Amino acid sequence: MALIITEDCTNCDVCLPECPNEAISDGSDVNRDIYFIHSDLCTECVGAFDEPQCVEVCPVECIEPDPDHEESKEALQAKYETIHAN
């Protein structure tokens, strides 16, 4: 399952550099005023870390599972491998 950033985001910028898949943006590319996680790139850090790094560093705990993008651990691992195939 991909993660989402809720409206509680304070734009503190600590999550952005933590993502191994560069799935987090400042939101400007999707017309949002807060940070945004692109579900097609989010693997919840499966393949890179034991825990989602953005969740670990978020000071306001505004990152949660996205119920609209449920994926198994195997699917997340396959997505990670595809993203990093180059």
PDB file of N, CA and C in Angstrom:
ATOM      1  N   MET A   1       0.838  -1.166   0.000  1.00  0.00           N
ATOM      2  CA  MET A   1       0.000   0.000   0.000  1.00  0.00           C
ATOM      3  C   MET A   1       0.888   1.234   0.000  1.00  0.00           C
ATOM      4  N   ALA A   2       0.599   2.145  -0.854  1.00  0.00           N
ATOM      5  CA  ALA A   2       1.325   3.412  -0.864  1.00  0.00           C
ATOM      6  C   ALA A   2       0.908   4.230   0.350  1.00  0.00           C
ATOM      7  N   LEU A   3       1.667   5.252   0.615  1.00  0.00           N
ATOM      8  CA  LEU A   3       1.372   6.137   1.722  1.00  0.00           C
ATOM      9  C   LEU A   3       0.828   7.461   1.192  1.00  0.00           C
ATOM     10  N   ILE A   4       0.140   8.198   2.062  1.00  0.00           N
ATOM     11  CA  ILE A   4      -0.338   9.528   1.720  1.00  0.00           C
ATOM     12  C   ILE A   4       0.081  10.501   2.816  1.00  0.00           C
ATOM     13  N   ILE A   5       0.169  11.759   2.443  1.00  0.00           N
ATOM     14  CA  ILE A   5       0.448  12.814   3.399  1.00  0.00           C
ATOM     15  C   ILE A   5      -0.861  13.565   3.609  1.00  0.00           C
ATOM     16  N   THR A   6      -1.278  13.657   4.852  1.00  0.00           N
ATOM     17  CA  THR A   6      -2.559  14.284   5.163  1.00  0.00           C
ATOM     18  C   THR A   6      -2.441  15.806   5.203  1.00  0.00           C
ATOM     19  N   GLU A   7      -3.576  16.446   5.346  1.00  0.00           N
ATOM     20  CA  GLU A   7      -3.645  17.900   5.413  1.00  0.00           C
ATOM     21  C   GLU A   7      -2.937  18.473   6.639  1.00  0.00           C
ATOM     22  N   ASP A   8      -2.541  17.637   7.582  1.00  0.00           N
ATOM     23  CA  ASP A   8      -1.818  18.096   8.768  1.00  0.00           C
ATOM     24  C   ASP A   8      -0.362  18.452   8.460  1.00  0.00           C
ATOM     25  N   CYS A   9       0.078  18.198   7.243  1.00  0.00           N
ATOM     26  CA  CYS A   9       1.461  18.482   6.836  1.00  0.00           C
ATOM     27  C   CYS A   9       1.782  19.955   7.070  1.00  0.00           C
ATOM     28  N   THR A  10       2.977  20.206   7.618  1.00  0.00           N
ATOM     29  CA  THR A  10       3.418  21.577   7.884  1.00  0.00           C
ATOM     30  C   THR A  10       4.490  22.040   6.896  1.00  0.00           C
ATOM     31  N   ASN A  11       4.739  21.255   5.853  1.00  0.00           N
ATOM     32  CA  ASN A  11       5.752  21.588   4.840  1.00  0.00           C
ATOM     33  C   ASN A  11       7.138  21.760   5.450  1.00  0.00           C
ATOM     34  N   CYS A  12       7.469  20.926   6.399  1.00  0.00           N
ATOM     35  CA  CYS A  12       8.761  21.068   7.084  1.00  0.00           C
ATOM     36  C   CYS A  12       9.934  20.561   6.246  1.00  0.00           C
ATOM     37  N   ASP A  13       9.658  19.764   5.205  1.00  0.00           N
ATOM     38  CA  ASP A  13      10.685  19.321   4.262  1.00  0.00           C
ATOM     39  C   ASP A  13      11.559  18.164   4.740  1.00  0.00           C
ATOM     40  N   VAL A  14      11.309  17.584   5.914  1.00  0.00           N
ATOM     41  CA  VAL A  14      12.192  16.515   6.373  1.00  0.00           C
ATOM     42  C   VAL A  14      11.955  15.197   5.645  1.00  0.00           C
ATOM     43  N   CYS A  15      10.763  14.976   5.107  1.00  0.00           N
ATOM     44  CA  CYS A  15      10.464  13.714   4.434  1.00  0.00           C
ATOM     45  C   CYS A  15      11.096  13.620   3.047  1.00  0.00           C
ATOM     46  N   LEU A  16      11.155  14.729   2.359  1.00  0.00           N
ATOM     47  CA  LEU A  16      11.584  14.753   0.962  1.00  0.00           C
ATOM     48  C   LEU A  16      12.908  14.031   0.707  1.00  0.00           C
ATOM     49  N   PRO A  17      13.978  14.339   1.415  1.00  0.00           N
ATOM     50  CA  PRO A  17      15.250  13.674   1.117  1.00  0.00           C
ATOM     51  C   PRO A  17      15.340  12.232   1.617  1.00  0.00           C
ATOM     52  N   GLU A  18      14.376  11.793   2.412  1.00  0.00           N
ATOM     53  CA  GLU A  18      14.426  10.448   2.982  1.00  0.00           C
ATOM     54  C   GLU A  18      13.941   9.354   2.039  1.00  0.00           C
ATOM     55  N   CYS A  19      13.172   9.704   1.030  1.00  0.00           N
ATOM     56  CA  CYS A  19      12.549   8.704   0.160  1.00  0.00           C
ATOM     57  C   CYS A  19      13.555   8.103  -0.814  1.00  0.00           C
ATOM     58  N   PRO A  20      13.769   6.793  -0.760  1.00  0.00           N
ATOM     59  CA  PRO A  20      14.720   6.157  -1.671  1.00  0.00           C
ATOM     60  C   PRO A  20      14.231   6.086  -3.117  1.00  0.00           C
ATOM     61  N   ASN A  21      12.946   6.330  -3.322  1.00  0.00           N
ATOM     62  CA  ASN A  21      12.362   6.248  -4.662  1.00  0.00           C
ATOM     63  C   ASN A  21      12.025   7.614  -5.251  1.00  0.00           C
ATOM     64  N   GLU A  22      12.338   8.675  -4.531  1.00  0.00           N
ATOM     65  CA  GLU A  22      11.987  10.034  -4.951  1.00  0.00           C
ATOM     66  C   GLU A  22      10.491  10.143  -5.254  1.00  0.00           C
ATOM     67  N   ALA A  23       9.680   9.517  -4.402  1.00  0.00           N
ATOM     68  CA  ALA A  23       8.233   9.515  -4.584  1.00  0.00           C
ATOM     69  C   ALA A  23       7.562  10.727  -3.967  1.00  0.00           C
ATOM     70  N   ILE A  24       8.287  11.511  -3.184  1.00  0.00           N
ATOM     71  CA  ILE A  24       7.706  12.663  -2.501  1.00  0.00           C
ATOM     72  C   ILE A  24       8.064  13.941  -3.248  1.00  0.00           C
ATOM     73  N   SER A  25       7.042  14.782  -3.430  1.00  0.00           N
ATOM     74  CA  SER A  25       7.281  16.082  -4.061  1.00  0.00           C
ATOM     75  C   SER A  25       6.702  17.174  -3.165  1.00  0.00           C
ATOM     76  N   ASP A  26       7.030  18.412  -3.481  1.00  0.00           N
ATOM     77  CA  ASP A  26       6.521  19.528  -2.683  1.00  0.00           C
ATOM     78  C   ASP A  26       5.048  19.815  -2.952  1.00  0.00           C
ATOM     79  N   GLY A  27       4.449  19.079  -3.845  1.00  0.00           N
ATOM     80  CA  GLY A  27       3.027  19.213  -4.148  1.00  0.00           C
ATOM     81  C   GLY A  27       2.719  20.141  -5.300  1.00  0.00           C
ATOM     82  N   SER A  28       3.678  20.943  -5.721  1.00  0.00           N
ATOM     83  CA  SER A  28       3.414  21.902  -6.797  1.00  0.00           C
ATOM     84  C   SER A  28       3.073  21.205  -8.114  1.00  0.00           C
ATOM     85  N   ASP A  29       3.587  20.002  -8.320  1.00  0.00           N
ATOM     86  CA  ASP A  29       3.313  19.281  -9.572  1.00  0.00           C
ATOM     87  C   ASP A  29       1.903  18.692  -9.627  1.00  0.00           C
ATOM     88  N   VAL A  30       1.219  18.670  -8.479  1.00  0.00           N
ATOM     89  CA  VAL A  30      -0.160  18.162  -8.433  1.00  0.00           C
ATOM     90  C   VAL A  30      -1.119  19.191  -7.835  1.00  0.00           C
ATOM     91  N   ASN A  31      -0.695  20.454  -7.869  1.00  0.00           N
ATOM     92  CA  ASN A  31      -1.515  21.570  -7.380  1.00  0.00           C
ATOM     93  C   ASN A  31      -1.973  21.406  -5.934  1.00  0.00           C
ATOM     94  N   ARG A  32      -1.012  21.062  -5.077  1.00  0.00           N
ATOM     95  CA  ARG A  32      -1.290  20.958  -3.635  1.00  0.00           C
ATOM     96  C   ARG A  32      -0.375  21.911  -2.898  1.00  0.00           C
ATOM     97  N   ASP A  33      -0.832  22.368  -1.761  1.00  0.00           N
ATOM     98  CA  ASP A  33      -0.047  23.283  -0.940  1.00  0.00           C
ATOM     99  C   ASP A  33       0.815  22.553   0.084  1.00  0.00           C
ATOM    100  N   ILE A  34       0.719  21.232   0.110  1.00  0.00           N
ATOM    101  CA  ILE A  34       1.499  20.424   1.046  1.00  0.00           C
ATOM    102  C   ILE A  34       2.251  19.347   0.271  1.00  0.00           C
ATOM    103  N   TYR A  35       3.141  18.669   0.946  1.00  0.00           N
ATOM    104  CA  TYR A  35       3.902  17.605   0.292  1.00  0.00           C
ATOM    105  C   TYR A  35       2.968  16.490  -0.160  1.00  0.00           C
ATOM    106  N   PHE A  36       3.427  15.753  -1.164  1.00  0.00           N
ATOM    107  CA  PHE A  36       2.595  14.747  -1.822  1.00  0.00           C
ATOM    108  C   PHE A  36       3.442  13.511  -2.118  1.00  0.00           C
ATOM    109  N   ILE A  37       2.856  12.335  -1.927  1.00  0.00           N
ATOM    110  CA  ILE A  37       3.534  11.073  -2.246  1.00  0.00           C
ATOM    111  C   ILE A  37       2.890  10.488  -3.497  1.00  0.00           C
ATOM    112  N   HIS A  38       3.700  10.268  -4.522  1.00  0.00           N
ATOM    113  CA  HIS A  38       3.224   9.674  -5.766  1.00  0.00           C
ATOM    114  C   HIS A  38       3.100   8.160  -5.562  1.00  0.00           C
ATOM    115  N   SER A  39       1.882   7.670  -5.621  1.00  0.00           N
ATOM    116  CA  SER A  39       1.622   6.251  -5.328  1.00  0.00           C
ATOM    117  C   SER A  39       2.324   5.308  -6.293  1.00  0.00           C
ATOM    118  N   ASP A  40       2.565   5.744  -7.515  1.00  0.00           N
ATOM    119  CA  ASP A  40       3.233   4.870  -8.485  1.00  0.00           C
ATOM    120  C   ASP A  40       4.712   4.683  -8.163  1.00  0.00           C
ATOM    121  N   LEU A  41       5.261   5.512  -7.276  1.00  0.00           N
ATOM    122  CA  LEU A  41       6.664   5.389  -6.881  1.00  0.00           C
ATOM    123  C   LEU A  41       6.848   4.949  -5.427  1.00  0.00           C
ATOM    124  N   CYS A  42       5.791   5.011  -4.635  1.00  0.00           N
ATOM    125  CA  CYS A  42       5.904   4.675  -3.215  1.00  0.00           C
ATOM    126  C   CYS A  42       5.880   3.164  -3.003  1.00  0.00           C
ATOM    127  N   THR A  43       6.892   2.669  -2.299  1.00  0.00           N
ATOM    128  CA  THR A  43       6.955   1.246  -1.948  1.00  0.00           C
ATOM    129  C   THR A  43       6.976   1.063  -0.437  1.00  0.00           C
ATOM    130  N   GLU A  44       6.642   2.114   0.326  1.00  0.00           N
ATOM    131  CA  GLU A  44       6.732   2.092   1.780  1.00  0.00           C
ATOM    132  C   GLU A  44       8.135   1.689   2.219  1.00  0.00           C
ATOM    133  N   CYS A  45       9.099   1.962   1.384  1.00  0.00           N
ATOM    134  CA  CYS A  45      10.522   1.653   1.595  1.00  0.00           C
ATOM    135  C   CYS A  45      10.833   0.158   1.553  1.00  0.00           C
ATOM    136  N   VAL A  46       9.856  -0.667   1.150  1.00  0.00           N
ATOM    137  CA  VAL A  46      10.142  -2.087   0.943  1.00  0.00           C
ATOM    138  C   VAL A  46      11.219  -2.171  -0.127  1.00  0.00           C
ATOM    139  N   GLY A  47      12.233  -2.948   0.126  1.00  0.00           N
ATOM    140  CA  GLY A  47      13.348  -3.075  -0.797  1.00  0.00           C
ATOM    141  C   GLY A  47      14.538  -2.229  -0.393  1.00  0.00           C
ATOM    142  N   ALA A  48      14.294  -1.211   0.429  1.00  0.00           N
ATOM    143  CA  ALA A  48      15.372  -0.307   0.836  1.00  0.00           C
ATOM    144  C   ALA A  48      15.571  -0.287   2.349  1.00  0.00           C
ATOM    145  N   PHE A  49      14.478  -0.239   3.095  1.00  0.00           N
ATOM    146  CA  PHE A  49      14.533  -0.130   4.551  1.00  0.00           C
ATOM    147  C   PHE A  49      13.453  -0.999   5.183  1.00  0.00           C
ATOM    148  N   ASP A  50      13.581  -1.244   6.475  1.00  0.00           N
ATOM    149  CA  ASP A  50      12.582  -2.038   7.193  1.00  0.00           C
ATOM    150  C   ASP A  50      11.307  -1.260   7.485  1.00  0.00           C
ATOM    151  N   GLU A  51      11.412   0.054   7.588  1.00  0.00           N
ATOM    152  CA  GLU A  51      10.275   0.909   7.894  1.00  0.00           C
ATOM    153  C   GLU A  51      10.246   2.080   6.908  1.00  0.00           C
ATOM    154  N   PRO A  52       9.065   2.617   6.621  1.00  0.00           N
ATOM    155  CA  PRO A  52       8.993   3.797   5.764  1.00  0.00           C
ATOM    156  C   PRO A  52       9.757   4.956   6.400  1.00  0.00           C
ATOM    157  N   GLN A  53      10.741   5.456   5.707  1.00  0.00           N
ATOM    158  CA  GLN A  53      11.599   6.498   6.257  1.00  0.00           C
ATOM    159  C   GLN A  53      10.878   7.820   6.445  1.00  0.00           C
ATOM    160  N   CYS A  54       9.941   8.138   5.572  1.00  0.00           N
ATOM    161  CA  CYS A  54       9.198   9.394   5.727  1.00  0.00           C
ATOM    162  C   CYS A  54       8.381   9.374   7.012  1.00  0.00           C
ATOM    163  N   VAL A  55       7.792   8.231   7.327  1.00  0.00           N
ATOM    164  CA  VAL A  55       7.015   8.097   8.560  1.00  0.00           C
ATOM    165  C   VAL A  55       7.924   8.250   9.768  1.00  0.00           C
ATOM    166  N   GLU A  56       9.103   7.678   9.685  1.00  0.00           N
ATOM    167  CA  GLU A  56      10.055   7.733  10.792  1.00  0.00           C
ATOM    168  C   GLU A  56      10.474   9.158  11.132  1.00  0.00           C
ATOM    169  N   VAL A  57      10.608  10.023  10.132  1.00  0.00           N
ATOM    170  CA  VAL A  57      11.120  11.377  10.388  1.00  0.00           C
ATOM    171  C   VAL A  57      10.031  12.448  10.518  1.00  0.00           C
ATOM    172  N   CYS A  58       8.811  12.144  10.166  1.00  0.00           N
ATOM    173  CA  CYS A  58       7.746  13.149  10.179  1.00  0.00           C
ATOM    174  C   CYS A  58       7.436  13.612  11.606  1.00  0.00           C
ATOM    175  N   PRO A  59       7.647  14.890  11.895  1.00  0.00           N
ATOM    176  CA  PRO A  59       7.422  15.378  13.258  1.00  0.00           C
ATOM    177  C   PRO A  59       5.949  15.553  13.633  1.00  0.00           C
ATOM    178  N   VAL A  60       5.062  15.610  12.645  1.00  0.00           N
ATOM    179  CA  VAL A  60       3.640  15.797  12.957  1.00  0.00           C
ATOM    180  C   VAL A  60       2.810  14.543  12.690  1.00  0.00           C
ATOM    181  N   GLU A  61       3.466  13.460  12.329  1.00  0.00           N
ATOM    182  CA  GLU A  61       2.809  12.170  12.100  1.00  0.00           C
ATOM    183  C   GLU A  61       1.629  12.291  11.130  1.00  0.00           C
ATOM    184  N   CYS A  62       1.894  12.912   9.980  1.00  0.00           N
ATOM    185  CA  CYS A  62       0.830  13.137   9.000  1.00  0.00           C
ATOM    186  C   CYS A  62       0.921  12.200   7.803  1.00  0.00           C
ATOM    187  N   ILE A  63       1.707  11.136   7.906  1.00  0.00           N
ATOM    188  CA  ILE A  63       1.845  10.194   6.796  1.00  0.00           C
ATOM    189  C   ILE A  63       1.213   8.878   7.212  1.00  0.00           C
ATOM    190  N   GLU A  64       0.296   8.404   6.387  1.00  0.00           N
ATOM    191  CA  GLU A  64      -0.445   7.198   6.734  1.00  0.00           C
ATOM    192  C   GLU A  64      -0.703   6.348   5.487  1.00  0.00           C
ATOM    193  N   PRO A  65      -1.131   5.099   5.680  1.00  0.00           N
ATOM    194  CA  PRO A  65      -1.432   4.242   4.522  1.00  0.00           C
ATOM    195  C   PRO A  65      -2.562   4.833   3.674  1.00  0.00           C
ATOM    196  N   ASP A  66      -2.427   4.682   2.374  1.00  0.00           N
ATOM    197  CA  ASP A  66      -3.436   5.165   1.434  1.00  0.00           C
ATOM    198  C   ASP A  66      -4.381   4.014   1.108  1.00  0.00           C
ATOM    199  N   PRO A  67      -5.599   4.065   1.600  1.00  0.00           N
ATOM    200  CA  PRO A  67      -6.531   2.953   1.367  1.00  0.00           C
ATOM    201  C   PRO A  67      -6.900   2.761  -0.102  1.00  0.00           C
ATOM    202  N   ASP A  68      -6.617   3.750  -0.939  1.00  0.00           N
ATOM    203  CA  ASP A  68      -6.918   3.634  -2.363  1.00  0.00           C
ATOM    204  C   ASP A  68      -5.815   2.941  -3.153  1.00  0.00           C
ATOM    205  N   HIS A  69      -4.701   2.618  -2.487  1.00  0.00           N
ATOM    206  CA  HIS A  69      -3.576   1.989  -3.174  1.00  0.00           C
ATOM    207  C   HIS A  69      -3.014   0.836  -2.346  1.00  0.00           C
ATOM    208  N   GLU A  70      -3.825  -0.181  -2.128  1.00  0.00           N
ATOM    209  CA  GLU A  70      -3.390  -1.345  -1.366  1.00  0.00           C
ATOM    210  C   GLU A  70      -2.536  -2.256  -2.234  1.00  0.00           C
ATOM    211  N   GLU A  71      -1.363  -2.642  -1.690  1.00  0.00           N
ATOM    212  CA  GLU A  71      -0.452  -3.533  -2.395  1.00  0.00           C
ATOM    213  C   GLU A  71       0.190  -4.473  -1.380  1.00  0.00           C
ATOM    214  N   SER A  72       0.466  -5.685  -1.807  1.00  0.00           N
ATOM    215  CA  SER A  72       1.144  -6.642  -0.929  1.00  0.00           C
ATOM    216  C   SER A  72       2.625  -6.289  -0.826  1.00  0.00           C
ATOM    217  N   LYS A  73       3.279  -6.874   0.154  1.00  0.00           N
ATOM    218  CA  LYS A  73       4.715  -6.647   0.309  1.00  0.00           C
ATOM    219  C   LYS A  73       5.457  -7.123  -0.940  1.00  0.00           C
ATOM    220  N   GLU A  74       4.997  -8.207  -1.529  1.00  0.00           N
ATOM    221  CA  GLU A  74       5.617  -8.724  -2.750  1.00  0.00           C
ATOM    222  C   GLU A  74       5.461  -7.737  -3.907  1.00  0.00           C
ATOM    223  N   ALA A  75       4.283  -7.146  -4.018  1.00  0.00           N
ATOM    224  CA  ALA A  75       4.051  -6.159  -5.083  1.00  0.00           C
ATOM    225  C   ALA A  75       4.909  -4.913  -4.861  1.00  0.00           C
ATOM    226  N   LEU A  76       5.042  -4.495  -3.609  1.00  0.00           N
ATOM    227  CA  LEU A  76       5.887  -3.338  -3.299  1.00  0.00           C
ATOM    228  C   LEU A  76       7.348  -3.639  -3.621  1.00  0.00           C
ATOM    229  N   GLN A  77       7.805  -4.857  -3.334  1.00  0.00           N
ATOM    230  CA  GLN A  77       9.178  -5.248  -3.641  1.00  0.00           C
ATOM    231  C   GLN A  77       9.399  -5.254  -5.153  1.00  0.00           C
ATOM    232  N   ALA A  78       8.441  -5.785  -5.898  1.00  0.00           N
ATOM    233  CA  ALA A  78       8.553  -5.806  -7.362  1.00  0.00           C
ATOM    234  C   ALA A  78       8.577  -4.387  -7.921  1.00  0.00           C
ATOM    235  N   LYS A  79       7.765  -3.503  -7.357  1.00  0.00           N
ATOM    236  CA  LYS A  79       7.755  -2.103  -7.794  1.00  0.00           C
ATOM    237  C   LYS A  79       9.115  -1.464  -7.515  1.00  0.00           C
ATOM    238  N   TYR A  80       9.662  -1.717  -6.329  1.00  0.00           N
ATOM    239  CA  TYR A  80      10.980  -1.176  -5.977  1.00  0.00           C
ATOM    240  C   TYR A  80      12.043  -1.648  -6.974  1.00  0.00           C
ATOM    241  N   GLU A  81      12.021  -2.929  -7.286  1.00  0.00           N
ATOM    242  CA  GLU A  81      13.014  -3.483  -8.215  1.00  0.00           C
ATOM    243  C   GLU A  81      12.869  -2.878  -9.618  1.00  0.00           C
ATOM    244  N   THR A  82      11.645  -2.632 -10.044  1.00  0.00           N
ATOM    245  CA  THR A  82      11.405  -2.003 -11.335  1.00  0.00           C
ATOM    246  C   THR A  82      11.933  -0.568 -11.345  1.00  0.00           C
ATOM    247  N   ILE A  83      11.645   0.170 -10.288  1.00  0.00           N
ATOM    248  CA  ILE A  83      12.092   1.561 -10.190  1.00  0.00           C
ATOM    249  C   ILE A  83      13.608   1.649 -10.229  1.00  0.00           C
ATOM    250  N   HIS A  84      14.286   0.704  -9.589  1.00  0.00           N
ATOM    251  CA  HIS A  84      15.745   0.764  -9.458  1.00  0.00           C
ATOM    252  C   HIS A  84      16.474  -0.193 -10.409  1.00  0.00           C
ATOM    253  N   ALA A  85      15.813  -0.567 -11.497  1.00  0.00           N
ATOM    254  CA  ALA A  85      16.407  -1.514 -12.451  1.00  0.00           C
ATOM    255  C   ALA A  85      17.560  -0.927 -13.248  1.00  0.00           C
ATOM    256  N   ASN A  86      17.644   0.370 -13.340  1.00  0.00           N
ATOM    257  CA  ASN A  86      18.700   0.999 -14.147  1.00  0.00           C
ATOM    258  C   ASN A  86      20.023   0.933 -13.470  1.00  0.00           C
TER     259      ASN A  86
END
